[in-house]
Amino acid sequence: MRALLYIALCLFFFWGCAGTPKEVPAVESAKAKHFLWKVSDANSSVWILGSVHFADSTFYPLDAVIDTAFEKAEELAVEINLGDEEVNADVARESIRRGMLPPGKSLDMVLPESLWTSLDSLCSAWNFPSAGLKTMRPWLAATTLSVVAIQRAGINPEYGIDVVLMDRAATAGKAIVSLETAEEQVSALSDVDDSDSSGIYYLKTTLKEIASLDSMVAQMVRAWKTGDDELLRRVMNEEVGEPSASDKSIKEGVEKRIYTDRNVKMAESIANFLSEDRSVFIVVGAAHLVLDKQNVIELLRSKGLKVERF
């Protein structure tokens, strides 16, 4: 499972900015399927859109079926409402609390020598001071490097599907609901322990994946625009090199925290919206809806709910 794609492209907005582009060119409406589902119980329904957390002007305007469902909804539910200043402050506090090394430790002391050398070399090539990373735990250093890589690739957070729809909801006076707290999102990634083993895995994987960032982004864009589940799964499941036995164990724990555990909670929240007869348009990362292990859509089906794709 690619660590960079999830960590960077979801958490990019902790460092990014929100806002809808003022003008976007028209795009031809396609009849191909979307990452859009309608989920219903006996007397109510909600819509779920799988998002990519990065995009460009060619994604807009969204297809009519997405726009219509969004406009009719009374509420927007997102993984976390980054348009809320208090939520952003909570994220910053949690990132600092979980992401900074204790006094007397530095990143070059925590990492294997070869990994620090690779990180330092990359920072030198980017003219980015590695000294700024030394107080960070490996997971936060990995996230920071990912953000820098994405910015260098020219990707603009303002076009992310989540950001655009949050801005539209705020303008329209729709309530915006967070499915998760700042602590839940940050803790899923940090998993701080004395050895920082998960963080070192994140960082090592991130350094490998940065070299193929442009290709990964291009494939993710293509998958979203065409509703191609298989391409998205292939990109997300692709390994960069053969992981060691110890890394495989860490990888399983990472995937459980980032996907499986959170998918269960998301599905429960969505089922609750239905039981309360709330009119909600839900936006979560597309990977949560189509990856193989206990994705949100299958979990909702298992609850006996009717699921239709558009």
Foldseek 3Di string as FASTA:
>chain_A
DQLLQVLQFVCLVLVADFDADPDADDEDADPFFFQKKWWADPPAIEIEHAWGQFDDSNCPPPHPVLVVLLVPAQAEEEQAPPVDPVLSVVLVVLCCVLWFDDPPFWPCNLADVVLVVLVCVVCVVVVHDCVVRTRTQLLVSLNVVSSVLCVVVVIHSHPTPVRNSSNVCVVVVGHYHHLDGSNLVVCLRRVDDPNSVLSNLSNVSSSLCSVVVVVLVVQVNVCRVNVPLVSVQCSVPDGRDDDDPVSVVSVVSSCCSPAVVSLVSSLVVNVVCNVVNHRYHYYYHSCLQRHDPNRNVVVNVVVVIDMDTD
